[in-house]
Amino acid sequence: MIVKIVNAMKDIFEETLSLKKILMPVVGLIFFLQPCHSQDNSVVVYDSTYMAEIESLMVQAEKEQKVRDVWDEFEKGMLKHEMSFHLDGVGELLRGSIDSWRRKGFYQNETTWPQRGNSYIDYGLAFSPLAATWGLKMLGVESRSTTKRMIAANSLALGLSVGVSSIWKRSVEEPRPNKSGIHGMPSRHSAVAFSCATILHREYGHVSPFISVGAYSAATMTEIMRLHNNDHWVKDIYVGAGIGTVATNLSYFLVDKMMGKKGVNKPKLTMADMQRVLKYNMQPTSLSLVSGIESGSNHDGTDFYGTTITAGMEYSYFFDSHLAIEGMGRYATTQGYDENEPSVGYNIDMAHFDLGTKYSWLLAPDTRFGCRAFAGTRLLFTTKQAAKNECCAECGIGGSLNLINKEKYAAGVNFDYVHAFSSKMTDRLVINAVWQIIL
C-alpha cells in the first residue's frame, strides 16, 4: 500500500503546491468566470494563459487527492490491524508442543542439573518492559491506547498470563531440571516477560522499532536465563512465551470489542514509514534481533544434549539492493548429561561470532529472500568437570525470508546450517525468528 502512495506521488510536481495555493486561484476563478462587461457593454476577452494555469492547478489538485485517498485507505487499514486479533505467539506454543513430544525421553530422565542464578533477577528483567511502558506514559509520550484502554488491556493481559500459566502448572506435574519442584511446565517467568514485551510493543512500537526490538530482547533474555539457571526446559519457556503473547493480544482484542475505536489513538502514516519501505526495496541495511533453536545430533559419544536455545544480533550492510556483508553474534545454551554419570547433569554455553556475505532479492515489494555464506569462531563453555572449554572455527550457509508489514520493523525467519571444526556439536541447523530494523 505504501508503494502505491509513492507511485502516486511521482505524478506530482517536485514542489507540491499547498492546498491554499490550489484553492485561492479556484476561488478567484469563480469570480473571474462571471460575465464581465466594460462600460460600453462589450464582453471582456478571457486571458487564455490564466485559464491554462487554472486547468493545470485543477489537475494538480486531482492528483493530490488521489494520494490522500490512498493515504487514508492505508491509515484505515492500520487501525483495522490494530483492533484485530494478532496471531503472534501461536508459533511459540506450537514450537514448545513439538519439542515436548520430540525430546520426551530427555525431559523424563533422572538426571539433576545444579541450580544457577536467582529467579528474582529474572522477574525484574521480565517486568522491565511494563515499567518502560508506564514510564513513557507518565512522561507524556502518546501511546497507541487511551489511558482507559491501556489500564483495561494491561490488567487483563497480566491476569490471563499469570492465571493460565499457574493453572497449567498445577495441572501438569513436570519436574524442573534442577528438581526444585514438580510444576515446571510452563514457565511463568516467560509468560510474564512476553506479556510485558507485547504490551510495550503494542503501546509504543509505533514510535520507534528499537522500542519493540528492545522489549522482545528483554523477554528473550529472560527465557535464556531461565534455561541457563536450570529452572526450566526449552519447551517450558516456549509454551510460557506463547501464553504471554497470545493472552496479551487477546486482551487488547476483547477490550477493543467493548470500547471500540474510542479507545485507540488513531495510527498515522508518516514519512518515516514511506522511507522505510523505499530503503527496504533499494538498500535494506539493517540491524536484527534473532531468536530460535539449534538442532542437530542429540549426542556425541556418551554425551546427550537437550534442545539448544539461541539468541543474538546481526548487522547487514548493503552496497546496493542485492549484495551485503554481515556481522553476526549469537549466544546459545543447553543442558547435557554423560551416560556414564547420568545422575548429575551439566550445562553448555556457546558464543558464535561470524562474518559473511549475503545476496538478497525482492520476491515482491514487501518480501525479500536471501542466501548467505559465513565463517567465524565458536567459543564453548561447559560445567562438566571432565571436559574443557574450547575455541574452534566454524562456517556455514543459510537462507532468509523477510516481510515488511504494518509494524515498524520487518519480520522474518533465518535458516542456517553451521559446521564447527570440533568433536562436540559438529553439525547444527539453526532456525531463528527475526525482528529486523531497517536503518
Protein backbone atom coordinates (compact mmCIF):
# COMPACT_ATOMS: atom_id res chain seq x y z
CA MET A 1 0.00 0.00 0.00
CA ILE A 2 2.84 2.42 0.81
CA VAL A 3 4.32 1.62 -2.59
CA LYS A 4 1.03 2.78 -4.16
CA ILE A 5 1.35 6.08 -2.34
CA VAL A 6 4.91 6.55 -3.53
CA ASN A 7 3.94 5.78 -7.12
CA ALA A 8 1.03 8.21 -6.96
CA MET A 9 3.28 10.94 -5.64
CA LYS A 10 5.63 10.52 -8.57
CA ASP A 11 2.97 12.11 -10.77
CA ILE A 12 3.00 15.29 -8.72
CA PHE A 13 5.47 18.14 -9.22
CA GLU A 14 8.59 18.09 -7.03
CA GLU A 15 7.46 21.27 -5.35
CA THR A 16 3.97 20.17 -4.30
CA LEU A 17 1.66 23.13 -4.01
CA SER A 18 -0.16 23.53 -0.73
CA LEU A 19 -3.95 23.30 -0.62
CA LYS A 20 -4.07 27.03 -0.10
CA LYS A 21 -2.17 27.69 -3.32
CA ILE A 22 -4.61 25.49 -5.18
CA LEU A 23 -7.83 26.82 -3.69
CA MET A 24 -7.06 30.53 -3.92
CA PRO A 25 -6.87 30.59 -7.75
CA VAL A 26 -10.01 28.43 -7.92
CA VAL A 27 -11.89 30.88 -5.70
CA GLY A 28 -10.64 33.66 -7.93
CA LEU A 29 -11.84 31.70 -10.93
CA ILE A 30 -15.42 31.71 -9.61
CA PHE A 31 -15.47 35.49 -9.73
CA PHE A 32 -13.45 35.63 -12.92
CA LEU A 33 -15.93 33.49 -14.84
CA GLN A 34 -18.86 35.77 -14.04
CA PRO A 35 -19.89 37.63 -17.15
CA CYS A 36 -17.76 40.75 -17.33
CA HIS A 37 -18.66 43.85 -19.37
CA SER A 38 -16.95 47.09 -19.98
CA GLN A 39 -18.77 50.36 -19.53
CA ASP A 40 -19.91 50.17 -23.14
CA ASN A 41 -21.35 46.65 -22.50
CA SER A 42 -18.71 44.91 -24.63
CA VAL A 43 -17.60 41.44 -23.37
CA VAL A 44 -14.09 41.23 -21.92
CA VAL A 45 -11.94 38.54 -23.54
CA TYR A 46 -10.66 35.94 -21.01
CA ASP A 47 -6.89 35.55 -20.58
CA SER A 48 -6.06 32.14 -22.13
CA THR A 49 -2.74 31.91 -20.26
CA TYR A 50 -4.53 32.37 -16.96
CA MET A 51 -7.09 29.72 -17.93
CA ALA A 52 -4.30 27.26 -18.75
CA GLU A 53 -2.76 27.85 -15.32
CA ILE A 54 -6.13 27.22 -13.65
CA GLU A 55 -6.54 23.97 -15.57
CA SER A 56 -3.04 22.87 -14.55
CA LEU A 57 -3.80 23.57 -10.88
CA MET A 58 -7.06 21.60 -11.11
CA VAL A 59 -5.16 18.59 -12.50
CA GLN A 60 -2.62 19.03 -9.71
CA ALA A 61 -5.38 19.06 -7.09
CA GLU A 62 -6.88 15.88 -8.55
CA LYS A 63 -3.54 14.09 -8.35
CA GLU A 64 -3.04 15.22 -4.76
CA GLN A 65 -6.50 13.96 -3.87
CA LYS A 66 -5.60 10.52 -5.23
CA VAL A 67 -2.59 10.45 -2.92
CA ARG A 68 -4.76 11.49 0.02
CA ASP A 69 -7.28 8.75 -0.79
CA VAL A 70 -4.58 6.07 -0.83
CA TRP A 71 -3.07 7.57 2.32
CA ASP A 72 -6.45 7.47 4.11
CA GLU A 73 -7.03 3.90 2.96
CA PHE A 74 -3.69 2.83 4.42
CA GLU A 75 -4.40 4.51 7.75
CA LYS A 76 -7.80 2.80 7.91
CA GLY A 77 -6.00 -0.49 7.33
CA MET A 78 -3.57 0.33 10.15
CA LEU A 79 -6.49 0.99 12.51
CA LYS A 80 -8.19 -2.25 11.45
CA HIS A 81 -4.94 -4.12 12.06
CA GLU A 82 -4.54 -2.52 15.49
CA MET A 83 -8.02 -3.66 16.55
CA SER A 84 -7.78 -7.16 15.08
CA PHE A 85 -6.59 -10.27 16.90
CA HIS A 86 -2.85 -10.71 16.30
CA LEU A 87 -1.64 -14.28 15.91
CA ASP A 88 1.80 -13.58 17.42
CA GLY A 89 2.67 -16.23 19.96
CA VAL A 90 0.83 -19.14 18.34
CA GLY A 91 4.11 -20.26 16.79
CA GLU A 92 5.75 -20.31 20.23
CA LEU A 93 3.01 -22.60 21.56
CA LEU A 94 3.45 -24.95 18.62
CA ARG A 95 7.24 -24.91 18.96
CA GLY A 96 7.03 -25.82 22.64
CA SER A 97 4.50 -28.58 21.97
CA ILE A 98 6.62 -30.11 19.20
CA ASP A 99 9.78 -30.00 21.30
CA SER A 100 7.92 -31.60 24.22
CA TRP A 101 6.94 -34.52 22.03
CA ARG A 102 10.27 -34.78 20.16
CA ARG A 103 12.52 -34.81 23.25
CA LYS A 104 10.17 -36.57 25.68
CA GLY A 105 12.81 -39.15 26.67
CA PHE A 106 15.41 -36.50 27.55
CA TYR A 107 12.99 -34.49 29.69
CA GLN A 108 11.85 -37.52 31.69
CA ASN A 109 15.28 -38.80 32.72
CA GLU A 110 16.50 -38.98 36.33
CA THR A 111 19.39 -36.53 35.89
CA THR A 112 19.56 -33.49 38.17
CA TRP A 113 21.11 -30.21 37.00
CA PRO A 114 22.57 -27.82 39.61
CA GLN A 115 20.67 -24.63 40.45
CA ARG A 116 22.23 -21.50 39.00
CA GLY A 117 21.22 -17.85 39.20
CA ASN A 118 18.40 -16.05 41.02
CA SER A 119 14.73 -16.08 39.99
CA TYR A 120 14.11 -12.61 41.47
CA ILE A 121 16.55 -11.09 38.99
CA ASP A 122 14.68 -12.93 36.24
CA TYR A 123 11.38 -11.40 37.36
CA GLY A 124 12.94 -7.93 37.39
CA LEU A 125 14.01 -8.36 33.78
CA ALA A 126 10.62 -9.82 32.86
CA PHE A 127 8.71 -6.80 34.20
CA SER A 128 11.09 -4.17 32.77
CA PRO A 129 9.11 -3.64 29.50
CA LEU A 130 5.95 -2.95 31.54
CA ALA A 131 7.85 -0.43 33.66
CA ALA A 132 9.10 1.24 30.46
CA THR A 133 5.55 1.38 29.08
CA TRP A 134 4.13 3.28 32.01
CA GLY A 135 7.28 5.36 32.35
CA LEU A 136 6.79 6.64 28.80
CA LYS A 137 3.11 7.23 29.53
CA MET A 138 3.92 9.38 32.58
CA LEU A 139 6.45 11.34 30.53
CA GLY A 140 3.64 12.31 28.16
CA VAL A 141 4.68 10.22 25.14
CA GLU A 142 1.50 9.37 23.21
CA SER A 143 0.68 5.68 23.45
CA ARG A 144 -1.44 3.74 20.99
CA SER A 145 -4.16 3.45 23.65
CA THR A 146 -6.10 5.92 25.70
CA THR A 147 -5.45 5.58 29.42
CA LYS A 148 -8.69 3.58 29.93
CA ARG A 149 -7.84 1.10 27.17
CA MET A 150 -4.29 0.79 28.42
CA ILE A 151 -5.31 0.05 32.03
CA ALA A 152 -8.00 -2.44 30.99
CA ALA A 153 -5.87 -4.28 28.41
CA ASN A 154 -2.74 -4.41 30.59
CA SER A 155 -4.62 -5.68 33.63
CA LEU A 156 -6.44 -8.35 31.65
CA ALA A 157 -3.24 -9.39 29.84
CA LEU A 158 -1.24 -9.92 33.03
CA GLY A 159 -4.17 -11.60 34.72
CA LEU A 160 -4.60 -14.08 31.88
CA SER A 161 -0.85 -14.71 31.52
CA VAL A 162 -0.31 -15.43 35.21
CA GLY A 163 -3.64 -17.23 35.61
CA VAL A 164 -3.33 -19.57 32.63
CA SER A 165 0.33 -20.40 33.31
CA SER A 166 -0.41 -21.06 37.02
CA ILE A 167 -3.39 -23.32 36.30
CA TRP A 168 -1.34 -25.16 33.67
CA LYS A 169 1.49 -25.65 36.18
CA ARG A 170 -0.88 -27.19 38.71
CA SER A 171 -2.46 -29.42 36.10
CA VAL A 172 0.80 -30.83 34.73
CA GLU A 173 3.34 -32.38 37.06
CA GLU A 174 6.54 -31.67 35.15
CA PRO A 175 9.76 -31.77 37.23
CA ARG A 176 12.24 -28.96 36.73
CA PRO A 177 15.77 -29.80 35.53
CA ASN A 178 17.16 -28.88 38.97
CA LYS A 179 14.42 -30.97 40.66
CA SER A 180 13.39 -27.99 42.82
CA GLY A 181 9.72 -28.68 42.12
CA ILE A 182 7.25 -30.65 40.03
CA HIS A 183 5.45 -27.70 38.45
CA GLY A 184 7.92 -26.54 35.82
CA MET A 185 5.64 -26.54 32.79
CA PRO A 186 5.09 -23.83 31.55
CA SER A 187 7.48 -21.05 32.57
CA ARG A 188 5.53 -18.30 34.33
CA HIS A 189 8.57 -16.02 34.07
CA SER A 190 8.45 -16.35 30.27
CA ALA A 191 4.68 -15.79 30.22
CA VAL A 192 5.05 -12.55 32.19
CA ALA A 193 8.10 -11.43 30.19
CA PHE A 194 6.42 -11.82 26.80
CA SER A 195 3.17 -10.34 28.06
CA CYS A 196 5.03 -7.21 29.21
CA ALA A 197 7.08 -7.09 25.99
CA THR A 198 3.95 -7.34 23.86
CA ILE A 199 2.32 -4.56 25.90
CA LEU A 200 5.29 -2.24 25.25
CA HIS A 201 5.26 -3.18 21.58
CA ARG A 202 1.50 -2.58 21.24
CA GLU A 203 1.65 0.78 23.00
CA TYR A 204 4.89 2.32 21.77
CA GLY A 205 6.14 0.23 18.87
CA HIS A 206 4.81 2.96 16.54
CA VAL A 207 7.29 5.45 18.00
CA SER A 208 10.42 3.50 17.06
CA PRO A 209 11.29 -0.05 16.00
CA PHE A 210 14.03 -0.02 18.65
CA ILE A 211 11.32 0.01 21.33
CA SER A 212 9.70 -3.19 20.05
CA VAL A 213 13.02 -4.95 19.48
CA GLY A 214 14.26 -3.81 22.90
CA ALA A 215 11.11 -5.18 24.55
CA TYR A 216 11.45 -8.58 22.94
CA SER A 217 15.18 -8.61 23.67
CA ALA A 218 14.40 -8.31 27.39
CA ALA A 219 11.82 -11.10 27.11
CA THR A 220 14.23 -13.33 25.19
CA MET A 221 16.96 -12.73 27.77
CA THR A 222 14.50 -13.82 30.47
CA GLU A 223 13.94 -17.07 28.56
CA ILE A 224 17.67 -17.71 28.25
CA MET A 225 18.29 -17.01 31.94
CA ARG A 226 15.56 -19.47 32.98
CA LEU A 227 17.16 -22.16 30.84
CA HIS A 228 20.71 -21.21 31.85
CA ASN A 229 19.73 -21.40 35.54
CA ASN A 230 18.28 -24.91 35.05
CA ASP A 231 14.85 -23.79 36.25
CA HIS A 232 13.16 -24.90 33.01
CA TRP A 233 13.43 -26.95 29.86
CA VAL A 234 13.25 -25.31 26.45
CA LYS A 235 9.68 -26.49 25.93
CA ASP A 236 8.62 -24.79 29.18
CA ILE A 237 9.87 -21.38 28.18
CA TYR A 238 8.43 -21.58 24.66
CA VAL A 239 4.97 -22.51 25.91
CA GLY A 240 5.22 -19.75 28.53
CA ALA A 241 6.20 -17.20 25.88
CA GLY A 242 3.28 -18.30 23.73
CA ILE A 243 0.82 -17.96 26.62
CA GLY A 244 2.02 -14.44 27.45
CA THR A 245 1.93 -13.20 23.87
CA VAL A 246 -1.42 -14.76 22.93
CA ALA A 247 -3.03 -13.65 26.22
CA THR A 248 -1.91 -10.05 25.67
CA ASN A 249 -3.11 -9.86 22.07
CA LEU A 250 -6.41 -11.48 23.09
CA SER A 251 -6.81 -8.92 25.88
CA TYR A 252 -6.40 -5.97 23.51
CA PHE A 253 -8.84 -7.60 21.08
CA LEU A 254 -11.50 -8.12 23.78
CA VAL A 255 -11.08 -4.61 25.21
CA ASP A 256 -11.46 -3.15 21.71
CA LYS A 257 -14.69 -5.12 21.29
CA MET A 258 -16.02 -3.35 24.38
CA MET A 259 -14.58 0.15 23.85
CA GLY A 260 -14.48 0.35 20.07
CA LYS A 261 -12.41 2.94 18.22
CA LYS A 262 -12.67 5.49 21.02
CA GLY A 263 -10.06 3.55 22.99
CA VAL A 264 -7.45 3.81 20.23
CA ASN A 265 -5.31 6.79 19.32
CA LYS A 266 -5.62 6.56 15.53
CA PRO A 267 -2.49 5.23 13.78
CA LYS A 268 -0.96 7.64 11.29
CA LEU A 269 1.23 7.02 8.29
CA THR A 270 4.45 9.01 8.47
CA MET A 271 7.19 9.87 6.02
CA ALA A 272 9.47 7.59 8.07
CA ASP A 273 7.20 4.65 7.16
CA MET A 274 7.49 5.50 3.48
CA GLN A 275 11.25 5.92 3.69
CA ARG A 276 11.49 2.55 5.46
CA VAL A 277 9.71 0.81 2.56
CA LEU A 278 11.87 2.59 -0.02
CA LYS A 279 15.05 1.59 1.85
CA TYR A 280 13.76 -1.98 2.12
CA ASN A 281 13.42 -2.05 -1.67
CA MET A 282 16.56 -0.11 -2.60
CA GLN A 283 19.23 -0.65 0.09
CA PRO A 284 17.94 -2.60 3.15
CA THR A 285 20.84 -2.09 5.54
CA SER A 286 19.55 -3.37 8.86
CA LEU A 287 20.10 -4.39 12.49
CA SER A 288 18.26 -7.55 13.57
CA LEU A 289 17.37 -9.39 16.75
CA VAL A 290 17.32 -13.17 16.15
CA SER A 291 15.96 -15.82 18.47
CA GLY A 292 15.35 -19.53 17.95
CA ILE A 293 16.81 -23.00 18.31
CA GLU A 294 19.86 -25.01 17.31
CA SER A 295 19.19 -28.60 16.36
CA GLY A 296 21.44 -31.44 15.30
CA SER A 297 22.82 -34.67 16.67
CA ASN A 298 21.36 -35.39 20.11
CA HIS A 299 24.61 -36.88 21.39
CA ASP A 300 28.38 -37.10 20.98
CA GLY A 301 29.58 -40.48 22.17
CA THR A 302 28.28 -40.87 25.72
CA ASP A 303 27.17 -37.21 26.00
CA PHE A 304 23.48 -36.48 25.41
CA TYR A 305 22.10 -32.96 24.83
CA GLY A 306 18.79 -31.20 25.21
CA THR A 307 17.32 -28.70 22.75
CA THR A 308 19.53 -25.62 22.38
CA ILE A 309 18.01 -22.14 22.56
CA THR A 310 19.88 -19.29 20.88
CA ALA A 311 19.59 -15.52 20.50
CA GLY A 312 21.74 -12.73 19.13
CA MET A 313 22.13 -9.70 16.89
CA GLU A 314 23.01 -9.34 13.21
CA TYR A 315 24.11 -6.31 11.21
CA SER A 316 23.70 -6.31 7.43
CA TYR A 317 25.29 -3.57 5.33
CA PHE A 318 24.01 -3.46 1.74
CA PHE A 319 26.12 -1.96 -1.03
CA ASP A 320 23.07 -1.90 -3.30
CA SER A 321 19.70 -3.66 -3.39
CA HIS A 322 21.28 -7.12 -3.54
CA LEU A 323 24.79 -7.52 -2.12
CA ALA A 324 25.62 -7.18 1.58
CA ILE A 325 28.23 -8.03 4.18
CA GLU A 326 27.07 -9.27 7.58
CA GLY A 327 28.37 -9.39 11.11
CA MET A 328 26.70 -11.89 13.45
CA GLY A 329 26.91 -12.52 17.18
CA ARG A 330 24.92 -15.28 18.86
CA TYR A 331 24.66 -16.92 22.29
CA ALA A 332 23.34 -20.46 22.79
CA THR A 333 22.76 -22.62 25.85
CA THR A 334 21.56 -26.14 26.60
CA GLN A 335 21.70 -28.96 29.16
CA GLY A 336 23.58 -32.22 28.81
CA TYR A 337 24.47 -35.37 30.71
CA ASP A 338 27.05 -38.14 30.42
CA GLU A 339 25.68 -41.65 30.02
CA ASN A 340 28.47 -42.90 32.28
CA GLU A 341 27.46 -40.44 35.03
CA PRO A 342 23.71 -39.93 34.49
CA SER A 343 22.84 -38.69 37.98
CA VAL A 344 24.30 -35.17 37.64
CA GLY A 345 23.91 -33.07 34.52
CA TYR A 346 25.97 -30.19 33.18
CA ASN A 347 25.44 -27.08 31.06
CA ILE A 348 26.91 -25.98 27.75
CA ASP A 349 27.09 -22.32 26.72
CA MET A 350 28.29 -21.21 23.31
CA ALA A 351 29.17 -17.85 21.80
CA HIS A 352 29.25 -17.53 17.99
CA PHE A 353 30.96 -14.68 16.13
CA ASP A 354 30.80 -14.74 12.32
CA LEU A 355 31.32 -12.59 9.25
CA GLY A 356 29.67 -13.33 5.93
CA THR A 357 28.26 -12.17 2.62
CA LYS A 358 24.63 -12.17 1.56
CA TYR A 359 22.83 -11.90 -1.75
CA SER A 360 19.20 -10.80 -1.47
CA TRP A 361 16.43 -10.05 -3.95
CA LEU A 362 12.80 -8.95 -3.89
CA LEU A 363 10.09 -11.53 -4.40
CA ALA A 364 7.52 -8.73 -4.05
CA PRO A 365 7.69 -5.06 -2.96
CA ASP A 366 7.26 -6.20 0.66
CA THR A 367 9.08 -9.57 0.59
CA ARG A 368 12.78 -10.43 0.38
CA PHE A 369 14.63 -13.73 0.09
CA GLY A 370 18.35 -14.01 0.69
CA CYS A 371 21.18 -16.54 0.67
CA ARG A 372 24.40 -16.21 2.66
CA ALA A 373 27.71 -17.85 3.49
CA PHE A 374 29.71 -17.10 6.64
CA ALA A 375 32.63 -18.18 8.78
CA GLY A 376 33.95 -17.34 12.21
CA THR A 377 34.64 -18.60 15.72
CA ARG A 378 32.71 -20.60 18.28
CA LEU A 379 33.57 -20.43 21.98
CA LEU A 380 32.22 -23.33 24.03
CA PHE A 381 31.98 -23.30 27.82
CA THR A 382 30.87 -26.31 29.85
CA THR A 383 30.33 -27.05 33.53
CA LYS A 384 31.27 -30.70 33.01
CA GLN A 385 34.27 -31.36 35.22
CA ALA A 386 35.93 -33.87 32.89
CA ALA A 387 35.63 -31.58 29.85
CA LYS A 388 37.46 -28.41 28.85
CA ASN A 389 36.28 -25.16 27.36
CA GLU A 390 37.31 -24.72 23.77
CA CYS A 391 37.59 -22.28 20.89
CA CYS A 392 37.17 -23.55 17.34
CA ALA A 393 36.47 -22.29 13.84
CA GLU A 394 33.08 -22.65 12.21
CA CYS A 395 31.48 -21.95 8.85
CA GLY A 396 28.02 -22.18 7.37
CA ILE A 397 25.46 -21.35 4.73
CA GLY A 398 21.87 -20.23 5.05
CA GLY A 399 18.79 -18.52 3.72
CA SER A 400 16.37 -15.87 4.95
CA LEU A 401 12.83 -14.73 4.23
CA ASN A 402 11.63 -11.31 5.42
CA LEU A 403 8.35 -9.47 5.17
CA ILE A 404 7.89 -5.77 5.83
CA ASN A 405 4.48 -5.07 7.34
CA LYS A 406 2.43 -2.50 9.23
CA GLU A 407 4.81 -2.76 12.19
CA LYS A 408 7.87 -0.54 12.34
CA TYR A 409 10.17 -3.49 11.74
CA ALA A 410 10.38 -6.28 9.18
CA ALA A 411 9.66 -9.79 10.47
CA GLY A 412 11.13 -12.97 9.09
CA VAL A 413 12.98 -16.22 9.61
CA ASN A 414 16.56 -17.41 9.06
CA PHE A 415 17.63 -20.98 8.26
CA ASP A 416 21.35 -21.72 8.72
CA TYR A 417 23.48 -24.85 8.57
CA VAL A 418 26.60 -24.47 10.75
CA HIS A 419 29.63 -26.77 10.82
CA ALA A 420 32.05 -26.48 13.75
CA PHE A 421 35.57 -27.87 13.50
CA SER A 422 35.21 -29.70 16.79
CA SER A 423 34.24 -33.10 18.16
CA LYS A 424 31.30 -31.53 20.04
CA MET A 425 28.06 -30.38 18.40
CA THR A 426 29.69 -30.51 14.98
CA ASP A 427 26.79 -30.05 12.59
CA ARG A 428 23.87 -27.83 13.59
CA LEU A 429 20.72 -26.48 11.96
CA VAL A 430 19.79 -23.04 13.34
CA ILE A 431 16.25 -21.71 12.88
CA ASN A 432 15.71 -18.14 14.08
CA ALA A 433 12.79 -15.76 14.13
CA VAL A 434 13.94 -12.27 13.08
CA TRP A 435 12.93 -8.74 14.10
CA GLN A 436 14.69 -6.53 11.54
CA ILE A 437 15.17 -2.77 11.90
CA ILE A 438 15.76 -1.04 8.56
CA LEU A 439 18.43 1.61 9.18
